[in-house]
């Protein structure tokens, strides 16, 4: 496990175009997860940052919100419990990690 896998430092103030960049990152991850058979829903309310709701259709109790936030070292995907998933430019790695956490059958 690398330092990035366990880093739980709070995100810092994002750049001015953060809302659009956040949506782009979440859309890319959502597409990757949909391609793996997960149900995804992008939520972008005006009163808070956008998030991606991901559900395993084989076990709907396995669901999680994923965020994209800018930190001192760039954009990252985050779990709702403030733990980093992967760098936002590593969509495949993030999708793999989310799929592993939301797997209905461990090891799949």
Foldseek 3Di string as FASTA:
>chain_A
DDPLQFDLDDADDDDPCVQVVFVVLQVLLCVVLVVVVWDWDWDDDPVDHIWIWTARPVDRVLIFIWGWGQHPVGIFIATPVRGTQGHSVPSVSSSVSSCQSSPPDHPD
